[in-house]
Amino acid sequence: MIQRLLSSLSIIIITLLLAACASTPQTTNQVADYPRPIFTANRLLPPDHPDQLAVYDPWEGMNKRIYNFNYHFDRYVFLPVVRGYQWIMPNFAQTGIHNFFKNFNDMITMFNSALQLAPQKLAKSTGRVVVNSTIGILGFIDVATMLGIPRPVEDFGQTLGHWGVGQGPYLVLPFLGPSNVRDSIGLVPDFYVRSVIQDELLKSDEAQITTTVLWPIDTRANTSFRYYETGSAFEYRTVRWLWSTKRDLDVQQ
């Protein structure tokens, strides 16, 4: 009985070994004609897919150094100040201050909408400013949003783009972050308009100084981006492409 069992096992083992040998591919000097992969890059990506390397960045070395400086400033100076502001200031006060600065930005949108000859955007932004500056008590209460008035956002960089001015080389600004030559130039008239509005609305030096200090803090508090938390191994290039694409879309809207 045992002898028969051993003989049967021997036959099974020999059969499996022969099958394994028969299934082993024979090595040859010819390249196997394997079928092409189904999921090629051309099939996965559309023909006009964006190329992150396509952004014109002739000052990449300098921009990366400024980007790194901004990261350290943001982490060790700016964000601690923002967290202190959020800890001291009650939530309702933070909301009111943010609405106040949005009302300022709506005035800048009015100015740029007029330069773009965009009557619909001008009407919406003007309506928001009138409602929020009166019923909303200088904008501290965003009554316009409660009434369903849309909020266009325009700046002088978009105005230049509207009239055909290209972005130009990519540029990372100290403290301010990603930009380009066109939008950097656009900051100057926007800042001038903002300062004129501030002088007209806020007569005391103390109020103007307080506004100047709180504006960047409020802006950073309401910006969710954090350096090196995007999950991308190529964050600089990713941010560069996202910013440039966003600015193109801002001009087209």
C-alpha atoms as a PDB file:
ATOM      1  CA  MET A   1       0.000   0.000   0.000  1.00  0.00           C
ATOM      2  CA  ILE A   2       2.739   2.400   0.989  1.00  0.00           C
ATOM      3  CA  GLN A   3       4.738   1.417  -2.074  1.00  0.00           C
ATOM      4  CA  ARG A   4       1.809   2.224  -4.386  1.00  0.00           C
ATOM      5  CA  LEU A   5       1.349   5.607  -2.668  1.00  0.00           C
ATOM      6  CA  LEU A   6       5.023   6.485  -3.123  1.00  0.00           C
ATOM      7  CA  SER A   7       4.866   5.461  -6.772  1.00  0.00           C
ATOM      8  CA  SER A   8       1.815   7.688  -7.347  1.00  0.00           C
ATOM      9  CA  LEU A   9       3.491  10.651  -5.645  1.00  0.00           C
ATOM     10  CA  SER A  10       6.608  10.132  -7.750  1.00  0.00           C
ATOM     11  CA  ILE A  11       4.552  10.197 -10.948  1.00  0.00           C
ATOM     12  CA  ILE A  12       2.762  13.404  -9.866  1.00  0.00           C
ATOM     13  CA  ILE A  13       6.030  15.175  -8.975  1.00  0.00           C
ATOM     14  CA  ILE A  14       7.682  14.184 -12.266  1.00  0.00           C
ATOM     15  CA  THR A  15       4.623  15.382 -14.199  1.00  0.00           C
ATOM     16  CA  LEU A  16       4.656  18.781 -12.452  1.00  0.00           C
ATOM     17  CA  LEU A  17       8.391  19.209 -13.087  1.00  0.00           C
ATOM     18  CA  LEU A  18       7.972  18.418 -16.783  1.00  0.00           C
ATOM     19  CA  ALA A  19       5.100  20.888 -17.037  1.00  0.00           C
ATOM     20  CA  ALA A  20       7.132  23.588 -15.341  1.00  0.00           C
ATOM     21  CA  CYS A  21      10.055  23.031 -17.650  1.00  0.00           C
ATOM     22  CA  ALA A  22       7.807  23.096 -20.663  1.00  0.00           C
ATOM     23  CA  SER A  23       6.284  26.428 -19.577  1.00  0.00           C
ATOM     24  CA  THR A  24       9.667  28.126 -18.979  1.00  0.00           C
ATOM     25  CA  PRO A  25      10.330  30.635 -21.798  1.00  0.00           C
ATOM     26  CA  GLN A  26      13.302  29.856 -23.985  1.00  0.00           C
ATOM     27  CA  THR A  27      15.932  32.588 -24.117  1.00  0.00           C
ATOM     28  CA  THR A  28      16.744  33.752 -27.596  1.00  0.00           C
ATOM     29  CA  ASN A  29      18.730  36.582 -29.094  1.00  0.00           C
ATOM     30  CA  GLN A  30      15.605  38.043 -30.700  1.00  0.00           C
ATOM     31  CA  VAL A  31      13.555  40.723 -28.987  1.00  0.00           C
ATOM     32  CA  ALA A  32      10.104  39.447 -28.104  1.00  0.00           C
ATOM     33  CA  ASP A  33       7.302  41.186 -29.952  1.00  0.00           C
ATOM     34  CA  TYR A  34       5.303  42.183 -26.891  1.00  0.00           C
ATOM     35  CA  PRO A  35       2.027  44.052 -27.429  1.00  0.00           C
ATOM     36  CA  ARG A  36       2.184  47.780 -26.769  1.00  0.00           C
ATOM     37  CA  PRO A  37       0.816  48.960 -23.409  1.00  0.00           C
ATOM     38  CA  ILE A  38      -2.836  49.892 -23.429  1.00  0.00           C
ATOM     39  CA  PHE A  39      -2.458  52.928 -21.181  1.00  0.00           C
ATOM     40  CA  THR A  40       0.127  54.973 -23.035  1.00  0.00           C
ATOM     41  CA  ALA A  41       0.812  58.619 -22.165  1.00  0.00           C
ATOM     42  CA  ASN A  42      -0.906  59.758 -25.349  1.00  0.00           C
ATOM     43  CA  ARG A  43      -4.079  57.911 -24.377  1.00  0.00           C
ATOM     44  CA  LEU A  44      -4.071  58.988 -20.735  1.00  0.00           C
ATOM     45  CA  LEU A  45      -3.401  62.678 -21.445  1.00  0.00           C
ATOM     46  CA  PRO A  46      -5.299  64.833 -23.922  1.00  0.00           C
ATOM     47  CA  PRO A  47      -3.317  66.329 -26.802  1.00  0.00           C
ATOM     48  CA  ASP A  48      -3.476  69.801 -25.265  1.00  0.00           C
ATOM     49  CA  HIS A  49      -2.626  68.762 -21.709  1.00  0.00           C
ATOM     50  CA  PRO A  50      -0.713  71.466 -19.793  1.00  0.00           C
ATOM     51  CA  ASP A  51       3.022  71.110 -19.405  1.00  0.00           C
ATOM     52  CA  GLN A  52       4.339  72.272 -16.065  1.00  0.00           C
ATOM     53  CA  LEU A  53       7.648  73.076 -17.736  1.00  0.00           C
ATOM     54  CA  ALA A  54       5.942  75.353 -20.260  1.00  0.00           C
ATOM     55  CA  VAL A  55       5.789  78.368 -17.905  1.00  0.00           C
ATOM     56  CA  TYR A  56       8.392  80.936 -18.949  1.00  0.00           C
ATOM     57  CA  ASP A  57      10.733  81.131 -15.972  1.00  0.00           C
ATOM     58  CA  PRO A  58      14.127  82.531 -17.027  1.00  0.00           C
ATOM     59  CA  TRP A  59      14.918  83.565 -13.430  1.00  0.00           C
ATOM     60  CA  GLU A  60      14.210  80.150 -11.912  1.00  0.00           C
ATOM     61  CA  GLY A  61      17.335  80.136  -9.726  1.00  0.00           C
ATOM     62  CA  MET A  62      16.517  83.500  -8.170  1.00  0.00           C
ATOM     63  CA  ASN A  63      12.827  82.630  -7.886  1.00  0.00           C
ATOM     64  CA  LYS A  64      13.584  79.404  -6.025  1.00  0.00           C
ATOM     65  CA  ARG A  65      15.757  81.262  -3.532  1.00  0.00           C
ATOM     66  CA  ILE A  66      12.990  83.818  -2.937  1.00  0.00           C
ATOM     67  CA  TYR A  67      10.466  80.966  -2.650  1.00  0.00           C
ATOM     68  CA  ASN A  68      12.635  79.369   0.038  1.00  0.00           C
ATOM     69  CA  PHE A  69      13.002  82.712   1.831  1.00  0.00           C
ATOM     70  CA  ASN A  70       9.218  83.164   1.761  1.00  0.00           C
ATOM     71  CA  TYR A  71       8.797  79.694   3.261  1.00  0.00           C
ATOM     72  CA  HIS A  72      11.033  80.512   6.230  1.00  0.00           C
ATOM     73  CA  PHE A  73       9.443  83.946   6.729  1.00  0.00           C
ATOM     74  CA  ASP A  74       5.975  82.427   6.528  1.00  0.00           C
ATOM     75  CA  ARG A  75       6.749  79.614   8.947  1.00  0.00           C
ATOM     76  CA  TYR A  76       8.727  81.485  11.593  1.00  0.00           C
ATOM     77  CA  VAL A  77       7.261  85.006  11.395  1.00  0.00           C
ATOM     78  CA  PHE A  78       4.041  85.403   9.431  1.00  0.00           C
ATOM     79  CA  LEU A  79       2.058  82.359  10.557  1.00  0.00           C
ATOM     80  CA  PRO A  80       2.902  82.844  14.276  1.00  0.00           C
ATOM     81  CA  VAL A  81       1.614  86.418  13.978  1.00  0.00           C
ATOM     82  CA  VAL A  82      -1.537  85.148  12.230  1.00  0.00           C
ATOM     83  CA  ARG A  83      -2.107  82.533  14.932  1.00  0.00           C
ATOM     84  CA  GLY A  84      -1.692  85.212  17.618  1.00  0.00           C
ATOM     85  CA  TYR A  85      -4.194  87.420  15.811  1.00  0.00           C
ATOM     86  CA  GLN A  86      -6.685  84.566  15.582  1.00  0.00           C
ATOM     87  CA  TRP A  87      -6.188  83.717  19.267  1.00  0.00           C
ATOM     88  CA  ILE A  88      -6.730  87.296  20.446  1.00  0.00           C
ATOM     89  CA  MET A  89      -9.479  88.382  18.064  1.00  0.00           C
ATOM     90  CA  PRO A  90     -12.997  86.914  18.498  1.00  0.00           C
ATOM     91  CA  ASN A  91     -14.408  85.120  15.461  1.00  0.00           C
ATOM     92  CA  PHE A  92     -17.110  87.721  14.825  1.00  0.00           C
ATOM     93  CA  ALA A  93     -14.457  90.469  14.850  1.00  0.00           C
ATOM     94  CA  GLN A  94     -12.276  88.528  12.399  1.00  0.00           C
ATOM     95  CA  THR A  95     -15.277  88.145  10.089  1.00  0.00           C
ATOM     96  CA  GLY A  96     -16.075  91.858  10.286  1.00  0.00           C
ATOM     97  CA  ILE A  97     -12.479  92.857   9.561  1.00  0.00           C
ATOM     98  CA  HIS A  98     -12.319  90.463   6.627  1.00  0.00           C
ATOM     99  CA  ASN A  99     -15.568  91.900   5.233  1.00  0.00           C
ATOM    100  CA  PHE A 100     -14.170  95.403   5.658  1.00  0.00           C
ATOM    101  CA  PHE A 101     -11.124  94.584   3.539  1.00  0.00           C
ATOM    102  CA  LYS A 102     -13.255  92.777   0.948  1.00  0.00           C
ATOM    103  CA  ASN A 103     -15.209  96.020   0.591  1.00  0.00           C
ATOM    104  CA  PHE A 104     -11.919  97.786  -0.170  1.00  0.00           C
ATOM    105  CA  ASN A 105     -11.148  95.152  -2.785  1.00  0.00           C
ATOM    106  CA  ASP A 106     -14.599  95.622  -4.318  1.00  0.00           C
ATOM    107  CA  MET A 107     -13.706  99.290  -4.818  1.00  0.00           C
ATOM    108  CA  ILE A 108     -10.525  98.226  -6.624  1.00  0.00           C
ATOM    109  CA  THR A 109     -12.672  95.927  -8.750  1.00  0.00           C
ATOM    110  CA  MET A 110     -14.889  98.921  -9.599  1.00  0.00           C
ATOM    111  CA  PHE A 111     -11.844 100.837 -10.800  1.00  0.00           C
ATOM    112  CA  ASN A 112     -10.537  97.995 -12.957  1.00  0.00           C
ATOM    113  CA  SER A 113     -13.966  97.068 -14.313  1.00  0.00           C
ATOM    114  CA  ALA A 114     -14.309 100.627 -15.569  1.00  0.00           C
ATOM    115  CA  LEU A 115     -10.870 100.414 -17.230  1.00  0.00           C
ATOM    116  CA  GLN A 116     -11.874  97.129 -18.867  1.00  0.00           C
ATOM    117  CA  LEU A 117     -15.128  98.642 -20.149  1.00  0.00           C
ATOM    118  CA  ALA A 118     -16.988  95.796 -18.435  1.00  0.00           C
ATOM    119  CA  PRO A 119     -20.407  97.265 -17.492  1.00  0.00           C
ATOM    120  CA  GLN A 120     -21.788  94.120 -15.839  1.00  0.00           C
ATOM    121  CA  LYS A 121     -18.800  93.719 -13.525  1.00  0.00           C
ATOM    122  CA  LEU A 122     -18.853  97.444 -12.822  1.00  0.00           C
ATOM    123  CA  ALA A 123     -22.546  97.338 -11.902  1.00  0.00           C
ATOM    124  CA  LYS A 124     -22.093  94.328  -9.595  1.00  0.00           C
ATOM    125  CA  SER A 125     -19.047  95.702  -7.805  1.00  0.00           C
ATOM    126  CA  THR A 126     -20.619  99.172  -7.488  1.00  0.00           C
ATOM    127  CA  GLY A 127     -23.804  97.668  -6.087  1.00  0.00           C
ATOM    128  CA  ARG A 128     -21.817  95.705  -3.531  1.00  0.00           C
ATOM    129  CA  VAL A 129     -19.831  98.763  -2.441  1.00  0.00           C
ATOM    130  CA  VAL A 130     -22.921 100.972  -2.104  1.00  0.00           C
ATOM    131  CA  VAL A 131     -24.865  98.385  -0.084  1.00  0.00           C
ATOM    132  CA  ASN A 132     -21.994  97.288   2.152  1.00  0.00           C
ATOM    133  CA  SER A 133     -20.641 100.802   2.757  1.00  0.00           C
ATOM    134  CA  THR A 134     -24.045 102.036   3.930  1.00  0.00           C
ATOM    135  CA  ILE A 135     -26.264  99.277   5.292  1.00  0.00           C
ATOM    136  CA  GLY A 136     -23.222  97.124   6.022  1.00  0.00           C
ATOM    137  CA  ILE A 137     -21.517  99.856   8.081  1.00  0.00           C
ATOM    138  CA  LEU A 138     -18.390 100.486   5.959  1.00  0.00           C
ATOM    139  CA  GLY A 139     -18.370  96.856   4.889  1.00  0.00           C
ATOM    140  CA  PHE A 140     -18.062  95.211   8.294  1.00  0.00           C
ATOM    141  CA  ILE A 141     -21.295  93.352   7.479  1.00  0.00           C
ATOM    142  CA  ASP A 142     -21.453  91.738   4.049  1.00  0.00           C
ATOM    143  CA  VAL A 143     -25.064  92.605   3.298  1.00  0.00           C
ATOM    144  CA  ALA A 144     -24.468  92.403  -0.473  1.00  0.00           C
ATOM    145  CA  THR A 145     -23.704  88.687  -0.287  1.00  0.00           C
ATOM    146  CA  MET A 146     -26.793  88.153   1.848  1.00  0.00           C
ATOM    147  CA  LEU A 147     -28.805  89.844  -0.920  1.00  0.00           C
ATOM    148  CA  GLY A 148     -27.225  87.589  -3.533  1.00  0.00           C
ATOM    149  CA  ILE A 149     -25.187  90.240  -5.352  1.00  0.00           C
ATOM    150  CA  PRO A 150     -22.312  88.441  -7.143  1.00  0.00           C
ATOM    151  CA  ARG A 151     -18.752  89.490  -6.321  1.00  0.00           C
ATOM    152  CA  PRO A 152     -16.407  89.881  -9.302  1.00  0.00           C
ATOM    153  CA  VAL A 153     -12.726  90.241  -8.459  1.00  0.00           C
ATOM    154  CA  GLU A 154     -10.548  92.342 -10.750  1.00  0.00           C
ATOM    155  CA  ASP A 155      -7.100  93.887 -10.417  1.00  0.00           C
ATOM    156  CA  PHE A 156      -4.854  95.927 -12.667  1.00  0.00           C
ATOM    157  CA  GLY A 157      -2.886  92.847 -13.725  1.00  0.00           C
ATOM    158  CA  GLN A 158      -6.138  91.431 -15.105  1.00  0.00           C
ATOM    159  CA  THR A 159      -6.867  94.775 -16.739  1.00  0.00           C
ATOM    160  CA  LEU A 160      -3.537  94.661 -18.557  1.00  0.00           C
ATOM    161  CA  GLY A 161      -4.264  91.082 -19.578  1.00  0.00           C
ATOM    162  CA  HIS A 162      -7.718  92.101 -20.789  1.00  0.00           C
ATOM    163  CA  TRP A 163      -6.097  94.546 -23.207  1.00  0.00           C
ATOM    164  CA  GLY A 164      -3.684  91.938 -24.531  1.00  0.00           C
ATOM    165  CA  VAL A 165      -0.640  92.266 -22.290  1.00  0.00           C
ATOM    166  CA  GLY A 166       0.961  88.861 -21.695  1.00  0.00           C
ATOM    167  CA  GLN A 167       2.079  87.561 -18.321  1.00  0.00           C
ATOM    168  CA  GLY A 168       5.762  87.866 -19.107  1.00  0.00           C
ATOM    169  CA  PRO A 169       8.373  85.941 -17.128  1.00  0.00           C
ATOM    170  CA  TYR A 170       7.284  84.176 -13.963  1.00  0.00           C
ATOM    171  CA  LEU A 171       8.382  86.009 -10.834  1.00  0.00           C
ATOM    172  CA  VAL A 172       8.310  85.136  -7.139  1.00  0.00           C
ATOM    173  CA  LEU A 173       8.022  88.286  -5.040  1.00  0.00           C
ATOM    174  CA  PRO A 174       9.512  88.505  -1.539  1.00  0.00           C
ATOM    175  CA  PHE A 175       6.764  88.132   1.097  1.00  0.00           C
ATOM    176  CA  LEU A 176       3.990  88.238  -1.561  1.00  0.00           C
ATOM    177  CA  GLY A 177       4.707  84.949  -3.333  1.00  0.00           C
ATOM    178  CA  PRO A 178       4.070  83.839  -6.943  1.00  0.00           C
ATOM    179  CA  SER A 179       3.472  86.453  -9.597  1.00  0.00           C
ATOM    180  CA  ASN A 180       4.761  87.531 -13.001  1.00  0.00           C
ATOM    181  CA  VAL A 181       6.092  90.734 -14.518  1.00  0.00           C
ATOM    182  CA  ARG A 182       2.678  91.942 -15.698  1.00  0.00           C
ATOM    183  CA  ASP A 183       0.940  91.361 -12.369  1.00  0.00           C
ATOM    184  CA  SER A 184       3.878  92.825 -10.429  1.00  0.00           C
ATOM    185  CA  ILE A 185       3.546  96.044 -12.413  1.00  0.00           C
ATOM    186  CA  GLY A 186      -0.206  95.925 -11.791  1.00  0.00           C
ATOM    187  CA  LEU A 187       0.364  96.043  -8.038  1.00  0.00           C
ATOM    188  CA  VAL A 188       1.468  99.684  -8.290  1.00  0.00           C
ATOM    189  CA  PRO A 189      -1.801 101.273  -9.527  1.00  0.00           C
ATOM    190  CA  ASP A 190      -3.850  98.937  -7.324  1.00  0.00           C
ATOM    191  CA  PHE A 191      -1.835 100.019  -4.294  1.00  0.00           C
ATOM    192  CA  TYR A 192      -2.270 103.672  -5.273  1.00  0.00           C
ATOM    193  CA  VAL A 193      -6.050 103.306  -5.585  1.00  0.00           C
ATOM    194  CA  ARG A 194      -6.153 101.484  -2.260  1.00  0.00           C
ATOM    195  CA  SER A 195      -4.165 104.244  -0.547  1.00  0.00           C
ATOM    196  CA  VAL A 196      -6.451 106.960  -1.985  1.00  0.00           C
ATOM    197  CA  ILE A 197      -9.542 105.116  -0.750  1.00  0.00           C
ATOM    198  CA  GLN A 198      -7.918 104.586   2.631  1.00  0.00           C
ATOM    199  CA  ASP A 199      -7.067 108.292   2.942  1.00  0.00           C
ATOM    200  CA  GLU A 200     -10.647 109.269   2.085  1.00  0.00           C
ATOM    201  CA  LEU A 201     -12.350 106.828   4.443  1.00  0.00           C
ATOM    202  CA  LEU A 202      -9.910 106.823   7.348  1.00  0.00           C
ATOM    203  CA  LYS A 203      -8.939 110.304   8.433  1.00  0.00           C
ATOM    204  CA  SER A 204      -6.834 109.519  11.496  1.00  0.00           C
ATOM    205  CA  ASP A 205      -3.255 108.279  11.266  1.00  0.00           C
ATOM    206  CA  GLU A 206      -3.982 105.614  13.882  1.00  0.00           C
ATOM    207  CA  ALA A 207      -6.776 104.112  11.795  1.00  0.00           C
ATOM    208  CA  GLN A 208      -4.629 104.113   8.673  1.00  0.00           C
ATOM    209  CA  ILE A 209      -1.702 102.441  10.463  1.00  0.00           C
ATOM    210  CA  THR A 210      -4.024  99.840  11.971  1.00  0.00           C
ATOM    211  CA  THR A 211      -5.506  99.099   8.552  1.00  0.00           C
ATOM    212  CA  THR A 212      -2.070  98.826   6.949  1.00  0.00           C
ATOM    213  CA  VAL A 213      -0.949  96.327   9.603  1.00  0.00           C
ATOM    214  CA  LEU A 214      -4.127  94.255   9.677  1.00  0.00           C
ATOM    215  CA  TRP A 215      -4.583  93.954   5.898  1.00  0.00           C
ATOM    216  CA  PRO A 216      -1.755  91.445   5.243  1.00  0.00           C
ATOM    217  CA  ILE A 217      -2.540  89.555   8.444  1.00  0.00           C
ATOM    218  CA  ASP A 218      -6.193  89.167   7.440  1.00  0.00           C
ATOM    219  CA  THR A 219      -5.173  88.144   3.911  1.00  0.00           C
ATOM    220  CA  ARG A 220      -2.847  85.421   5.212  1.00  0.00           C
ATOM    221  CA  ALA A 221      -5.410  84.253   7.758  1.00  0.00           C
ATOM    222  CA  ASN A 222      -7.878  83.663   4.923  1.00  0.00           C
ATOM    223  CA  THR A 223      -5.377  81.954   2.594  1.00  0.00           C
ATOM    224  CA  SER A 224      -5.253  78.197   3.111  1.00  0.00           C
ATOM    225  CA  PHE A 225      -1.985  77.580   1.228  1.00  0.00           C
ATOM    226  CA  ARG A 226       0.913  76.308   3.336  1.00  0.00           C
ATOM    227  CA  TYR A 227       4.417  75.895   1.974  1.00  0.00           C
ATOM    228  CA  TYR A 228       5.570  72.315   1.415  1.00  0.00           C
ATOM    229  CA  GLU A 229       2.218  70.835   2.372  1.00  0.00           C
ATOM    230  CA  THR A 230       0.919  70.318  -1.163  1.00  0.00           C
ATOM    231  CA  GLY A 231       1.982  66.665  -1.235  1.00  0.00           C
ATOM    232  CA  SER A 232       3.924  67.245  -4.452  1.00  0.00           C
ATOM    233  CA  ALA A 233       7.591  66.335  -4.781  1.00  0.00           C
ATOM    234  CA  PHE A 234       7.892  69.196  -7.275  1.00  0.00           C
ATOM    235  CA  GLU A 235       6.041  71.890  -5.351  1.00  0.00           C
ATOM    236  CA  TYR A 236       7.815  74.878  -6.910  1.00  0.00           C
ATOM    237  CA  ARG A 237       6.883  73.794 -10.436  1.00  0.00           C
ATOM    238  CA  THR A 238       3.371  72.826  -9.381  1.00  0.00           C
ATOM    239  CA  VAL A 239       2.715  76.195  -7.725  1.00  0.00           C
ATOM    240  CA  ARG A 240       4.254  77.974 -10.696  1.00  0.00           C
ATOM    241  CA  TRP A 241       1.941  76.230 -13.152  1.00  0.00           C
ATOM    242  CA  LEU A 242      -1.168  76.552 -10.959  1.00  0.00           C
ATOM    243  CA  TRP A 243      -0.594  80.270 -10.440  1.00  0.00           C
ATOM    244  CA  SER A 244       0.069  80.964 -14.104  1.00  0.00           C
ATOM    245  CA  THR A 245      -2.981  78.954 -15.161  1.00  0.00           C
ATOM    246  CA  LYS A 246      -5.162  80.728 -12.590  1.00  0.00           C
ATOM    247  CA  ARG A 247      -4.090  84.129 -13.855  1.00  0.00           C
ATOM    248  CA  ASP A 248      -4.937  83.141 -17.420  1.00  0.00           C
ATOM    249  CA  LEU A 249      -8.378  82.050 -16.265  1.00  0.00           C
ATOM    250  CA  ASP A 250      -8.822  85.274 -14.254  1.00  0.00           C
ATOM    251  CA  VAL A 251      -8.232  87.327 -17.393  1.00  0.00           C
ATOM    252  CA  GLN A 252     -10.614  85.195 -19.459  1.00  0.00           C
ATOM    253  CA  GLN A 253     -13.535  85.325 -17.029  1.00  0.00           C
END
